[in-house]
Amino acid sequence: MPTPESDPLYYGLDLAAVSAGPGVKTEVLAGGWHGAVRFTGPFSRTGSFGNAAMPADMSWGESVALGDLNGDGAQDHVNVTYRYGGLSGGVVFVNPENYVHTPGVSPGLQKGNGLISATGDLNGDGFADLVVGDPDEPEVAGVDGALGGRILVWYGSAHGIAADAAPVQITQNTAGVPGGSEKYDAFGGALAVADLNRDGLADIMVGAPYESIGKVGRAGQVTVIPGRRTGALGTGAYAFNQDTASVPGGSEVDDFFGTTVAAGDVNKDGKAELFVGAADENNSTGAVWVLPGGTSGPTAAGSRMFTASSVGLTQQYGTLLGGNGLLWVM
């Protein structure tokens, strides 16, 4: 396993960016196996920036995120490490640059782990919340991880997130979530957080790239879990796969639909589109689907599928249009 003191490795493995205003309120966090680097604005079109700093060595890992978890107007730095011995995923750190490792004490957030992170205000209380995907099967059943994968939610507060705070766990067995938890679904293998239905609450998009659709193994699926001001997360959740009516294509073995997920209003109609990648579509050429934003969230109607050849790339094995996501480590 690489150590933080080693030379840089996989620098830029993950990126997070937030613009909360001009100048230093615009930040970019670049992750890597030997430490994250944090850049602050102002940024220019010529490549200049305000400042850069490398946090303490606890910032090594595979996933980074930025979010104001305590409402103080500054972005908190979230880092999820690569797999840690004895855990179903990696260690989750909040502001690792402020962390002092005490021997014998579990590092990071002590009641959860995973491989990928995102932030957003899920309940509308003004504090960003932390969501972590933990797609691995449990190392020890009933102790860590969950059958078929899980996501974990830590709610932000005026005091941020305490190291011993217990997260909310959501699986495909959670009430309201489509499907059911099955071994090696990899639910939580892709993750994004954004307000899809314009209700002022962030929603959670979860990829399960190994999900079987009917009898088709590892075809993949994406689940959307709406944010809620009150009540348990999971109510009103819905899912898309390649067998969903109006979604182009069809579920095939090892498509891995849901390898990556993202959202954004790219056509400026005020409604966020949902983007889904499938790394192994068409013999690992890959493909990306765009599901249009609707009144109450993304809709399959009018969705489009982009293949490598449709965007001028070579249609061949290993193109991986849409990215490889966590497939290379799952």
C-alpha atoms as a PDB file:
ATOM      1  CA  MET A   1       0.000   0.000   0.000  1.00  0.00           C
ATOM      2  CA  PRO A   2       1.422   3.442  -0.882  1.00  0.00           C
ATOM      3  CA  THR A   3       2.190   5.864   1.911  1.00  0.00           C
ATOM      4  CA  PRO A   4       1.533   9.602   2.115  1.00  0.00           C
ATOM      5  CA  GLU A   5       5.269  10.255   2.246  1.00  0.00           C
ATOM      6  CA  SER A   6       5.842   8.672  -1.161  1.00  0.00           C
ATOM      7  CA  ASP A   7       6.082  10.536  -4.440  1.00  0.00           C
ATOM      8  CA  PRO A   8       2.741  11.705  -5.922  1.00  0.00           C
ATOM      9  CA  LEU A   9       0.668   8.868  -7.347  1.00  0.00           C
ATOM     10  CA  TYR A  10      -2.654   9.068  -9.205  1.00  0.00           C
ATOM     11  CA  TYR A  11      -2.821  12.809  -8.641  1.00  0.00           C
ATOM     12  CA  GLY A  12      -6.157  14.049  -9.988  1.00  0.00           C
ATOM     13  CA  LEU A  13      -7.826  10.685  -9.347  1.00  0.00           C
ATOM     14  CA  ASP A  14     -10.912  12.631  -8.259  1.00  0.00           C
ATOM     15  CA  LEU A  15     -11.942  16.284  -8.347  1.00  0.00           C
ATOM     16  CA  ALA A  16     -14.399  18.466  -6.468  1.00  0.00           C
ATOM     17  CA  ALA A  17     -15.181  22.107  -7.237  1.00  0.00           C
ATOM     18  CA  VAL A  18     -17.434  24.657  -5.546  1.00  0.00           C
ATOM     19  CA  SER A  19     -18.079  28.297  -6.372  1.00  0.00           C
ATOM     20  CA  ALA A  20     -19.641  30.034  -3.356  1.00  0.00           C
ATOM     21  CA  GLY A  21     -18.612  33.486  -4.560  1.00  0.00           C
ATOM     22  CA  PRO A  22     -15.680  35.301  -6.164  1.00  0.00           C
ATOM     23  CA  GLY A  23     -12.024  34.942  -5.268  1.00  0.00           C
ATOM     24  CA  VAL A  24     -11.103  32.509  -2.511  1.00  0.00           C
ATOM     25  CA  LYS A  25     -14.708  31.316  -2.225  1.00  0.00           C
ATOM     26  CA  THR A  26     -14.148  29.341  -5.418  1.00  0.00           C
ATOM     27  CA  GLU A  27     -12.276  26.145  -4.598  1.00  0.00           C
ATOM     28  CA  VAL A  28     -11.024  23.039  -6.380  1.00  0.00           C
ATOM     29  CA  LEU A  29      -9.912  19.905  -4.536  1.00  0.00           C
ATOM     30  CA  ALA A  30      -7.789  17.366  -6.414  1.00  0.00           C
ATOM     31  CA  GLY A  31      -7.473  13.926  -4.859  1.00  0.00           C
ATOM     32  CA  GLY A  32      -4.732  11.344  -5.122  1.00  0.00           C
ATOM     33  CA  TRP A  33      -3.290   8.315  -3.380  1.00  0.00           C
ATOM     34  CA  HIS A  34      -0.608  10.333  -1.620  1.00  0.00           C
ATOM     35  CA  GLY A  35      -2.618  13.377  -0.659  1.00  0.00           C
ATOM     36  CA  ALA A  36      -5.153  15.896  -1.898  1.00  0.00           C
ATOM     37  CA  VAL A  37      -4.282  19.387  -3.123  1.00  0.00           C
ATOM     38  CA  ARG A  38      -6.653  22.275  -2.508  1.00  0.00           C
ATOM     39  CA  PHE A  39      -6.718  25.247  -4.881  1.00  0.00           C
ATOM     40  CA  THR A  40      -8.485  28.525  -4.147  1.00  0.00           C
ATOM     41  CA  GLY A  41      -9.392  31.366  -6.497  1.00  0.00           C
ATOM     42  CA  PRO A  42      -9.429  33.682  -8.143  1.00  0.00           C
ATOM     43  CA  PHE A  43      -8.963  31.479 -11.209  1.00  0.00           C
ATOM     44  CA  SER A  44      -8.165  32.829 -14.663  1.00  0.00           C
ATOM     45  CA  ARG A  45      -8.594  31.513 -18.174  1.00  0.00           C
ATOM     46  CA  THR A  46      -4.792  31.412 -18.488  1.00  0.00           C
ATOM     47  CA  GLY A  47      -4.468  28.861 -15.684  1.00  0.00           C
ATOM     48  CA  SER A  48      -3.500  31.066 -12.760  1.00  0.00           C
ATOM     49  CA  PHE A  49      -5.105  30.672  -9.339  1.00  0.00           C
ATOM     50  CA  GLY A  50      -4.971  32.287  -5.938  1.00  0.00           C
ATOM     51  CA  ASN A  51      -3.313  29.696  -3.726  1.00  0.00           C
ATOM     52  CA  ALA A  52      -2.651  25.967  -3.343  1.00  0.00           C
ATOM     53  CA  ALA A  53      -2.027  23.828  -0.294  1.00  0.00           C
ATOM     54  CA  MET A  54      -1.603  20.136   0.404  1.00  0.00           C
ATOM     55  CA  PRO A  55      -3.450  19.075   3.573  1.00  0.00           C
ATOM     56  CA  ALA A  56      -2.025  16.684   6.137  1.00  0.00           C
ATOM     57  CA  ASP A  57      -1.227  13.132   5.078  1.00  0.00           C
ATOM     58  CA  MET A  58      -4.657  11.894   6.163  1.00  0.00           C
ATOM     59  CA  SER A  59      -5.971  13.336   2.882  1.00  0.00           C
ATOM     60  CA  TRP A  60      -4.740  10.414   0.764  1.00  0.00           C
ATOM     61  CA  GLY A  61      -7.453   8.489  -1.013  1.00  0.00           C
ATOM     62  CA  GLU A  62      -9.711   7.904  -3.983  1.00  0.00           C
ATOM     63  CA  SER A  63     -12.640  10.308  -3.533  1.00  0.00           C
ATOM     64  CA  VAL A  64     -12.907  13.956  -2.498  1.00  0.00           C
ATOM     65  CA  ALA A  65     -15.823  16.329  -1.931  1.00  0.00           C
ATOM     66  CA  LEU A  66     -16.428  19.892  -0.762  1.00  0.00           C
ATOM     67  CA  GLY A  67     -19.422  21.119   1.231  1.00  0.00           C
ATOM     68  CA  ASP A  68     -20.292  23.533   4.024  1.00  0.00           C
ATOM     69  CA  LEU A  69     -21.221  20.971   6.661  1.00  0.00           C
ATOM     70  CA  ASN A  70     -21.435  23.433   9.568  1.00  0.00           C
ATOM     71  CA  GLY A  71     -22.856  26.531   7.889  1.00  0.00           C
ATOM     72  CA  ASP A  72     -19.887  28.800   8.587  1.00  0.00           C
ATOM     73  CA  GLY A  73     -19.580  29.858   4.942  1.00  0.00           C
ATOM     74  CA  ALA A  74     -16.367  27.879   4.361  1.00  0.00           C
ATOM     75  CA  GLN A  75     -16.138  24.621   2.435  1.00  0.00           C
ATOM     76  CA  ASP A  76     -15.302  21.532   4.468  1.00  0.00           C
ATOM     77  CA  HIS A  77     -12.951  19.053   2.831  1.00  0.00           C
ATOM     78  CA  VAL A  78     -14.135  15.427   2.637  1.00  0.00           C
ATOM     79  CA  ASN A  79     -11.755  12.634   1.747  1.00  0.00           C
ATOM     80  CA  VAL A  80     -12.444   8.915   1.353  1.00  0.00           C
ATOM     81  CA  THR A  81      -9.368   6.706   1.285  1.00  0.00           C
ATOM     82  CA  TYR A  82      -8.739   3.575  -0.720  1.00  0.00           C
ATOM     83  CA  ARG A  83      -9.685   0.368   1.080  1.00  0.00           C
ATOM     84  CA  TYR A  84      -8.529   0.189   4.656  1.00  0.00           C
ATOM     85  CA  GLY A  85      -7.643  -3.115   6.321  1.00  0.00           C
ATOM     86  CA  GLY A  86     -10.657  -4.844   7.884  1.00  0.00           C
ATOM     87  CA  LEU A  87     -13.245  -2.465   6.409  1.00  0.00           C
ATOM     88  CA  SER A  88     -15.654  -2.966   3.527  1.00  0.00           C
ATOM     89  CA  GLY A  89     -14.316   0.276   2.009  1.00  0.00           C
ATOM     90  CA  GLY A  90     -12.025   3.168   2.879  1.00  0.00           C
ATOM     91  CA  VAL A  91     -11.928   5.571   5.822  1.00  0.00           C
ATOM     92  CA  VAL A  92     -14.046   8.735   5.609  1.00  0.00           C
ATOM     93  CA  PHE A  93     -12.373  11.948   6.773  1.00  0.00           C
ATOM     94  CA  VAL A  94     -13.862  15.401   7.245  1.00  0.00           C
ATOM     95  CA  ASN A  95     -11.216  18.136   7.180  1.00  0.00           C
ATOM     96  CA  PRO A  96      -8.275  15.731   7.403  1.00  0.00           C
ATOM     97  CA  GLU A  97      -5.904  18.715   7.511  1.00  0.00           C
ATOM     98  CA  ASN A  98      -7.152  19.305  11.068  1.00  0.00           C
ATOM     99  CA  TYR A  99      -6.955  15.672  12.072  1.00  0.00           C
ATOM    100  CA  VAL A 100      -4.455  14.396  14.624  1.00  0.00           C
ATOM    101  CA  HIS A 101      -4.084  10.629  14.519  1.00  0.00           C
ATOM    102  CA  THR A 102      -4.165   9.159  18.010  1.00  0.00           C
ATOM    103  CA  PRO A 103      -2.721   5.628  18.202  1.00  0.00           C
ATOM    104  CA  GLY A 104      -5.371   3.083  19.112  1.00  0.00           C
ATOM    105  CA  VAL A 105      -8.234   5.341  18.040  1.00  0.00           C
ATOM    106  CA  SER A 106     -10.079   4.657  14.788  1.00  0.00           C
ATOM    107  CA  PRO A 107      -9.308   7.383  12.246  1.00  0.00           C
ATOM    108  CA  GLY A 108     -11.874   9.516  10.472  1.00  0.00           C
ATOM    109  CA  LEU A 109     -15.615   9.041  10.944  1.00  0.00           C
ATOM    110  CA  GLN A 110     -15.748   5.955  13.115  1.00  0.00           C
ATOM    111  CA  LYS A 111     -19.161   4.542  12.194  1.00  0.00           C
ATOM    112  CA  GLY A 112     -18.999   4.198   8.444  1.00  0.00           C
ATOM    113  CA  ASN A 113     -16.753   3.819   5.436  1.00  0.00           C
ATOM    114  CA  GLY A 114     -16.896   3.629   1.663  1.00  0.00           C
ATOM    115  CA  LEU A 115     -15.238   4.476  -1.638  1.00  0.00           C
ATOM    116  CA  ILE A 116     -16.990   7.565  -3.034  1.00  0.00           C
ATOM    117  CA  SER A 117     -18.476  10.769  -1.582  1.00  0.00           C
ATOM    118  CA  ALA A 118     -20.746  13.711  -2.417  1.00  0.00           C
ATOM    119  CA  THR A 119     -22.409  16.544  -0.493  1.00  0.00           C
ATOM    120  CA  GLY A 120     -25.666  18.508  -0.644  1.00  0.00           C
ATOM    121  CA  ASP A 121     -28.477  19.767   1.585  1.00  0.00           C
ATOM    122  CA  LEU A 122     -30.888  16.825   1.652  1.00  0.00           C
ATOM    123  CA  ASN A 123     -33.306  18.171   4.281  1.00  0.00           C
ATOM    124  CA  GLY A 124     -33.258  21.907   3.635  1.00  0.00           C
ATOM    125  CA  ASP A 125     -31.856  22.960   7.009  1.00  0.00           C
ATOM    126  CA  GLY A 126     -29.100  25.092   5.458  1.00  0.00           C
ATOM    127  CA  PHE A 127     -26.281  22.668   6.219  1.00  0.00           C
ATOM    128  CA  ALA A 128     -24.677  20.467   3.574  1.00  0.00           C
ATOM    129  CA  ASP A 129     -24.992  16.757   4.286  1.00  0.00           C
ATOM    130  CA  LEU A 130     -22.417  14.090   3.487  1.00  0.00           C
ATOM    131  CA  VAL A 131     -23.287  11.022   1.409  1.00  0.00           C
ATOM    132  CA  VAL A 132     -20.853   8.125   0.970  1.00  0.00           C
ATOM    133  CA  GLY A 133     -21.172   5.103  -1.310  1.00  0.00           C
ATOM    134  CA  ASP A 134     -20.010   1.773   0.119  1.00  0.00           C
ATOM    135  CA  PRO A 135     -20.543  -0.808  -2.663  1.00  0.00           C
ATOM    136  CA  ASP A 136     -18.373  -3.579  -1.203  1.00  0.00           C
ATOM    137  CA  GLU A 137     -19.753  -6.690   0.408  1.00  0.00           C
ATOM    138  CA  PRO A 138     -19.290  -6.836   4.207  1.00  0.00           C
ATOM    139  CA  GLU A 139     -15.946  -7.997   5.550  1.00  0.00           C
ATOM    140  CA  VAL A 140     -17.885  -9.366   8.529  1.00  0.00           C
ATOM    141  CA  ALA A 141     -21.625  -9.870   8.089  1.00  0.00           C
ATOM    142  CA  GLY A 142     -23.661  -7.689  10.442  1.00  0.00           C
ATOM    143  CA  VAL A 143     -20.637  -5.694  11.562  1.00  0.00           C
ATOM    144  CA  ASP A 144     -19.539  -3.650   8.562  1.00  0.00           C
ATOM    145  CA  GLY A 145     -20.944  -2.967   5.113  1.00  0.00           C
ATOM    146  CA  ALA A 146     -24.225  -4.334   3.780  1.00  0.00           C
ATOM    147  CA  LEU A 147     -25.317  -7.106   1.448  1.00  0.00           C
ATOM    148  CA  GLY A 148     -25.353  -5.748  -2.105  1.00  0.00           C
ATOM    149  CA  GLY A 149     -23.844  -2.405  -1.087  1.00  0.00           C
ATOM    150  CA  ARG A 150     -25.148   0.680   0.676  1.00  0.00           C
ATOM    151  CA  ILE A 151     -24.972   4.428   0.940  1.00  0.00           C
ATOM    152  CA  LEU A 152     -24.447   6.297   4.194  1.00  0.00           C
ATOM    153  CA  VAL A 153     -25.770   9.758   5.045  1.00  0.00           C
ATOM    154  CA  TRP A 154     -24.353  12.026   7.734  1.00  0.00           C
ATOM    155  CA  TYR A 155     -26.440  15.144   8.329  1.00  0.00           C
ATOM    156  CA  GLY A 156     -24.593  18.435   8.731  1.00  0.00           C
ATOM    157  CA  SER A 157     -25.271  20.737  11.681  1.00  0.00           C
ATOM    158  CA  ALA A 158     -23.998  23.904  13.354  1.00  0.00           C
ATOM    159  CA  HIS A 159     -21.289  21.687  14.837  1.00  0.00           C
ATOM    160  CA  GLY A 160     -20.518  19.882  11.592  1.00  0.00           C
ATOM    161  CA  ILE A 161     -20.233  16.099  11.774  1.00  0.00           C
ATOM    162  CA  ALA A 162     -18.785  14.499  14.887  1.00  0.00           C
ATOM    163  CA  ALA A 163     -16.284  11.669  14.438  1.00  0.00           C
ATOM    164  CA  ASP A 164     -18.598   9.279  16.309  1.00  0.00           C
ATOM    165  CA  ALA A 165     -21.814  10.388  14.582  1.00  0.00           C
ATOM    166  CA  ALA A 166     -23.956   7.479  13.392  1.00  0.00           C
ATOM    167  CA  PRO A 167     -24.959   7.758   9.716  1.00  0.00           C
ATOM    168  CA  VAL A 168     -28.269   6.808   8.149  1.00  0.00           C
ATOM    169  CA  GLN A 169     -27.837   3.634   6.077  1.00  0.00           C
ATOM    170  CA  ILE A 170     -29.796   3.140   2.845  1.00  0.00           C
ATOM    171  CA  THR A 171     -29.783  -0.091   0.855  1.00  0.00           C
ATOM    172  CA  GLN A 172     -32.068  -1.620  -1.764  1.00  0.00           C
ATOM    173  CA  ASN A 173     -33.941  -3.195   1.138  1.00  0.00           C
ATOM    174  CA  THR A 174     -34.785   0.244   2.570  1.00  0.00           C
ATOM    175  CA  ALA A 175     -38.509   1.017   2.438  1.00  0.00           C
ATOM    176  CA  GLY A 176     -39.382   2.825  -0.786  1.00  0.00           C
ATOM    177  CA  VAL A 177     -36.166   1.968  -2.646  1.00  0.00           C
ATOM    178  CA  PRO A 178     -36.791  -0.110  -5.806  1.00  0.00           C
ATOM    179  CA  GLY A 179     -35.383  -3.625  -6.043  1.00  0.00           C
ATOM    180  CA  GLY A 180     -33.799  -5.684  -3.304  1.00  0.00           C
ATOM    181  CA  SER A 181     -30.323  -6.162  -1.901  1.00  0.00           C
ATOM    182  CA  GLU A 182     -28.504  -9.032  -3.588  1.00  0.00           C
ATOM    183  CA  LYS A 183     -24.894 -10.075  -3.308  1.00  0.00           C
ATOM    184  CA  TYR A 184     -22.531  -8.114  -5.563  1.00  0.00           C
ATOM    185  CA  ASP A 185     -25.101  -5.541  -6.764  1.00  0.00           C
ATOM    186  CA  ALA A 186     -22.517  -2.831  -5.958  1.00  0.00           C
ATOM    187  CA  PHE A 187     -25.238  -0.383  -4.891  1.00  0.00           C
ATOM    188  CA  GLY A 188     -23.286   2.775  -4.081  1.00  0.00           C
ATOM    189  CA  GLY A 189     -20.700   2.125  -6.793  1.00  0.00           C
ATOM    190  CA  ALA A 190     -21.467   5.541  -8.315  1.00  0.00           C
ATOM    191  CA  LEU A 191     -22.817   8.602  -6.556  1.00  0.00           C
ATOM    192  CA  ALA A 192     -23.958  12.173  -7.182  1.00  0.00           C
ATOM    193  CA  VAL A 193     -26.057  14.690  -5.244  1.00  0.00           C
ATOM    194  CA  ALA A 194     -28.126  17.487  -6.843  1.00  0.00           C
ATOM    195  CA  ASP A 195     -31.627  18.999  -6.761  1.00  0.00           C
ATOM    196  CA  LEU A 196     -33.374  17.161  -9.589  1.00  0.00           C
ATOM    197  CA  ASN A 197     -36.984  18.153  -8.909  1.00  0.00           C
ATOM    198  CA  ARG A 198     -36.481  21.843  -8.034  1.00  0.00           C
ATOM    199  CA  ASP A 199     -37.946  21.555  -4.539  1.00  0.00           C
ATOM    200  CA  GLY A 200     -34.913  23.148  -2.886  1.00  0.00           C
ATOM    201  CA  LEU A 201     -33.678  19.803  -1.537  1.00  0.00           C
ATOM    202  CA  ALA A 202     -30.753  17.818  -2.883  1.00  0.00           C
ATOM    203  CA  ASP A 203     -31.515  14.340  -4.228  1.00  0.00           C
ATOM    204  CA  ILE A 204     -29.191  11.335  -4.254  1.00  0.00           C
ATOM    205  CA  MET A 205     -28.310   9.466  -7.449  1.00  0.00           C
ATOM    206  CA  VAL A 206     -26.908   5.984  -6.817  1.00  0.00           C
ATOM    207  CA  GLY A 207     -25.333   3.680  -9.355  1.00  0.00           C
ATOM    208  CA  ALA A 208     -25.479  -0.090  -8.927  1.00  0.00           C
ATOM    209  CA  PRO A 209     -23.419  -1.178 -11.958  1.00  0.00           C
ATOM    210  CA  TYR A 210     -23.491  -4.889 -11.061  1.00  0.00           C
ATOM    211  CA  GLU A 211     -27.273  -5.008 -10.608  1.00  0.00           C
ATOM    212  CA  SER A 212     -28.983  -7.835 -12.480  1.00  0.00           C
ATOM    213  CA  ILE A 213     -31.966  -6.820 -14.594  1.00  0.00           C
ATOM    214  CA  GLY A 214     -34.233  -9.827 -14.780  1.00  0.00           C
ATOM    215  CA  LYS A 215     -31.929 -12.696 -15.657  1.00  0.00           C
ATOM    216  CA  VAL A 216     -29.293 -10.410 -17.204  1.00  0.00           C
ATOM    217  CA  GLY A 217     -26.289 -10.289 -14.886  1.00  0.00           C
ATOM    218  CA  ARG A 218     -24.395  -7.085 -14.129  1.00  0.00           C
ATOM    219  CA  ALA A 219     -26.494  -5.022 -16.536  1.00  0.00           C
ATOM    220  CA  GLY A 220     -26.677  -2.130 -14.066  1.00  0.00           C
ATOM    221  CA  GLN A 221     -29.202   0.329 -12.681  1.00  0.00           C
ATOM    222  CA  VAL A 222     -29.415   3.888 -11.326  1.00  0.00           C
ATOM    223  CA  THR A 223     -31.650   4.817  -8.381  1.00  0.00           C
ATOM    224  CA  VAL A 224     -32.758   8.343  -7.459  1.00  0.00           C
ATOM    225  CA  ILE A 225     -33.551   8.950  -3.772  1.00  0.00           C
ATOM    226  CA  PRO A 226     -35.328  12.292  -3.256  1.00  0.00           C
ATOM    227  CA  GLY A 227     -34.317  14.589  -0.415  1.00  0.00           C
ATOM    228  CA  ARG A 228     -36.885  15.036   2.367  1.00  0.00           C
ATOM    229  CA  ARG A 229     -37.513  17.760   4.933  1.00  0.00           C
ATOM    230  CA  THR A 230     -39.084  15.199   7.264  1.00  0.00           C
ATOM    231  CA  GLY A 231     -39.417  11.449   7.279  1.00  0.00           C
ATOM    232  CA  ALA A 232     -37.071   8.691   6.233  1.00  0.00           C
ATOM    233  CA  LEU A 233     -35.025   8.820   3.048  1.00  0.00           C
ATOM    234  CA  GLY A 234     -36.151   6.229   0.516  1.00  0.00           C
ATOM    235  CA  THR A 235     -39.781   7.280   0.132  1.00  0.00           C
ATOM    236  CA  GLY A 236     -40.512   8.213  -3.465  1.00  0.00           C
ATOM    237  CA  ALA A 237     -37.326   6.662  -4.838  1.00  0.00           C
ATOM    238  CA  TYR A 238     -37.317   5.515  -8.469  1.00  0.00           C
ATOM    239  CA  ALA A 239     -34.883   3.768 -10.808  1.00  0.00           C
ATOM    240  CA  PHE A 240     -33.743   3.654 -14.423  1.00  0.00           C
ATOM    241  CA  ASN A 241     -32.073   0.879 -16.403  1.00  0.00           C
ATOM    242  CA  GLN A 242     -31.789   0.023 -20.083  1.00  0.00           C
ATOM    243  CA  ASP A 243     -35.063  -1.891 -19.937  1.00  0.00           C
ATOM    244  CA  THR A 244     -36.937   1.179 -18.685  1.00  0.00           C
ATOM    245  CA  ALA A 245     -39.450   2.290 -21.319  1.00  0.00           C
ATOM    246  CA  SER A 246     -38.014   5.029 -23.602  1.00  0.00           C
ATOM    247  CA  VAL A 247     -34.421   4.515 -22.420  1.00  0.00           C
ATOM    248  CA  PRO A 248     -32.397   3.632 -25.556  1.00  0.00           C
ATOM    249  CA  GLY A 249     -30.619   0.298 -25.782  1.00  0.00           C
ATOM    250  CA  GLY A 250     -31.308  -2.849 -23.825  1.00  0.00           C
ATOM    251  CA  SER A 251     -29.868  -4.557 -20.774  1.00  0.00           C
ATOM    252  CA  GLU A 252     -27.017  -6.921 -21.616  1.00  0.00           C
ATOM    253  CA  VAL A 253     -24.586  -8.903 -19.496  1.00  0.00           C
ATOM    254  CA  ASP A 254     -21.751  -6.727 -18.175  1.00  0.00           C
ATOM    255  CA  ASP A 255     -23.006  -3.399 -19.546  1.00  0.00           C
ATOM    256  CA  PHE A 256     -22.486  -1.828 -16.079  1.00  0.00           C
ATOM    257  CA  PHE A 257     -25.156   0.836 -16.599  1.00  0.00           C
ATOM    258  CA  GLY A 258     -24.591   3.196 -13.669  1.00  0.00           C
ATOM    259  CA  THR A 259     -20.799   3.064 -13.752  1.00  0.00           C
ATOM    260  CA  THR A 260     -20.922   6.854 -13.374  1.00  0.00           C
ATOM    261  CA  VAL A 261     -23.734   9.317 -12.616  1.00  0.00           C
ATOM    262  CA  ALA A 262     -23.943  13.104 -12.776  1.00  0.00           C
ATOM    263  CA  ALA A 263     -26.539  15.872 -13.085  1.00  0.00           C
ATOM    264  CA  GLY A 264     -26.721  19.415 -14.419  1.00  0.00           C
ATOM    265  CA  ASP A 265     -28.898  21.806 -16.388  1.00  0.00           C
ATOM    266  CA  VAL A 266     -27.080  21.748 -19.722  1.00  0.00           C
ATOM    267  CA  ASN A 267     -29.885  23.193 -21.846  1.00  0.00           C
ATOM    268  CA  LYS A 268     -30.697  26.095 -19.490  1.00  0.00           C
ATOM    269  CA  ASP A 269     -34.367  25.237 -19.111  1.00  0.00           C
ATOM    270  CA  GLY A 270     -34.123  25.319 -15.318  1.00  0.00           C
ATOM    271  CA  LYS A 271     -34.375  21.532 -15.027  1.00  0.00           C
ATOM    272  CA  ALA A 272     -31.405  19.295 -14.264  1.00  0.00           C
ATOM    273  CA  GLU A 273     -30.623  16.465 -16.670  1.00  0.00           C
ATOM    274  CA  LEU A 274     -29.420  13.087 -15.390  1.00  0.00           C
ATOM    275  CA  PHE A 275     -26.303  11.597 -17.001  1.00  0.00           C
ATOM    276  CA  VAL A 276     -25.507   7.900 -16.751  1.00  0.00           C
ATOM    277  CA  GLY A 277     -22.394   6.103 -17.967  1.00  0.00           C
ATOM    278  CA  ALA A 278     -22.003   2.408 -18.789  1.00  0.00           C
ATOM    279  CA  ALA A 279     -18.323   1.597 -19.185  1.00  0.00           C
ATOM    280  CA  ASP A 280     -18.697  -1.848 -20.734  1.00  0.00           C
ATOM    281  CA  GLU A 281     -21.477  -1.046 -23.200  1.00  0.00           C
ATOM    282  CA  ASN A 282     -20.581  -2.286 -26.703  1.00  0.00           C
ATOM    283  CA  ASN A 283     -17.568  -4.373 -25.668  1.00  0.00           C
ATOM    284  CA  SER A 284     -16.045  -1.762 -23.317  1.00  0.00           C
ATOM    285  CA  THR A 285     -16.462   1.073 -25.798  1.00  0.00           C
ATOM    286  CA  GLY A 286     -18.802   2.668 -23.281  1.00  0.00           C
ATOM    287  CA  ALA A 287     -21.848   4.883 -23.659  1.00  0.00           C
ATOM    288  CA  VAL A 288     -23.545   7.823 -21.944  1.00  0.00           C
ATOM    289  CA  TRP A 289     -27.279   8.421 -21.531  1.00  0.00           C
ATOM    290  CA  VAL A 290     -28.880  11.822 -21.018  1.00  0.00           C
ATOM    291  CA  LEU A 291     -32.292  11.772 -19.342  1.00  0.00           C
ATOM    292  CA  PRO A 292     -34.067  15.124 -19.722  1.00  0.00           C
ATOM    293  CA  GLY A 293     -35.094  17.127 -16.702  1.00  0.00           C
ATOM    294  CA  GLY A 294     -38.832  17.031 -16.050  1.00  0.00           C
ATOM    295  CA  THR A 295     -41.264  18.820 -13.771  1.00  0.00           C
ATOM    296  CA  SER A 296     -40.699  16.358 -10.930  1.00  0.00           C
ATOM    297  CA  GLY A 297     -37.261  15.081 -11.920  1.00  0.00           C
ATOM    298  CA  PRO A 298     -35.484  13.383 -14.832  1.00  0.00           C
ATOM    299  CA  THR A 299     -37.625  11.410 -17.230  1.00  0.00           C
ATOM    300  CA  ALA A 300     -36.899   8.566 -19.617  1.00  0.00           C
ATOM    301  CA  ALA A 301     -39.098  10.170 -22.268  1.00  0.00           C
ATOM    302  CA  GLY A 302     -36.869  11.888 -24.797  1.00  0.00           C
ATOM    303  CA  SER A 303     -33.678  10.391 -23.371  1.00  0.00           C
ATOM    304  CA  ARG A 304     -30.694   9.977 -25.653  1.00  0.00           C
ATOM    305  CA  MET A 305     -27.779   7.562 -25.822  1.00  0.00           C
ATOM    306  CA  PHE A 306     -24.341   8.704 -26.957  1.00  0.00           C
ATOM    307  CA  THR A 307     -21.871   6.128 -28.219  1.00  0.00           C
ATOM    308  CA  ALA A 308     -18.203   6.688 -28.968  1.00  0.00           C
ATOM    309  CA  SER A 309     -18.742   6.962 -32.706  1.00  0.00           C
ATOM    310  CA  SER A 310     -21.544   9.525 -32.226  1.00  0.00           C
ATOM    311  CA  VAL A 311     -19.084  11.933 -30.602  1.00  0.00           C
ATOM    312  CA  GLY A 312     -16.179  11.269 -32.971  1.00  0.00           C
ATOM    313  CA  LEU A 313     -14.282   8.707 -30.902  1.00  0.00           C
ATOM    314  CA  THR A 314     -13.099   5.291 -32.041  1.00  0.00           C
ATOM    315  CA  GLN A 315     -15.663   2.561 -31.498  1.00  0.00           C
ATOM    316  CA  GLN A 316     -13.359  -0.039 -30.011  1.00  0.00           C
ATOM    317  CA  TYR A 317     -12.575  -2.011 -26.880  1.00  0.00           C
ATOM    318  CA  GLY A 318     -11.313   0.134 -24.008  1.00  0.00           C
ATOM    319  CA  THR A 319     -12.650   3.531 -25.130  1.00  0.00           C
ATOM    320  CA  LEU A 320     -14.768   3.572 -21.932  1.00  0.00           C
ATOM    321  CA  LEU A 321     -16.919   6.540 -22.917  1.00  0.00           C
ATOM    322  CA  GLY A 322     -18.371   8.009 -19.735  1.00  0.00           C
ATOM    323  CA  GLY A 323     -15.444   6.879 -17.601  1.00  0.00           C
ATOM    324  CA  ASN A 324     -14.509   3.760 -15.685  1.00  0.00           C
ATOM    325  CA  GLY A 325     -15.722   5.058 -12.325  1.00  0.00           C
ATOM    326  CA  LEU A 326     -14.959   2.653  -9.496  1.00  0.00           C
ATOM    327  CA  LEU A 327     -14.954  -0.420 -11.755  1.00  0.00           C
ATOM    328  CA  TRP A 328     -11.179  -0.552 -11.661  1.00  0.00           C
ATOM    329  CA  VAL A 329     -11.214  -1.024  -7.875  1.00  0.00           C
ATOM    330  CA  MET A 330     -14.481  -2.920  -7.292  1.00  0.00           C
END
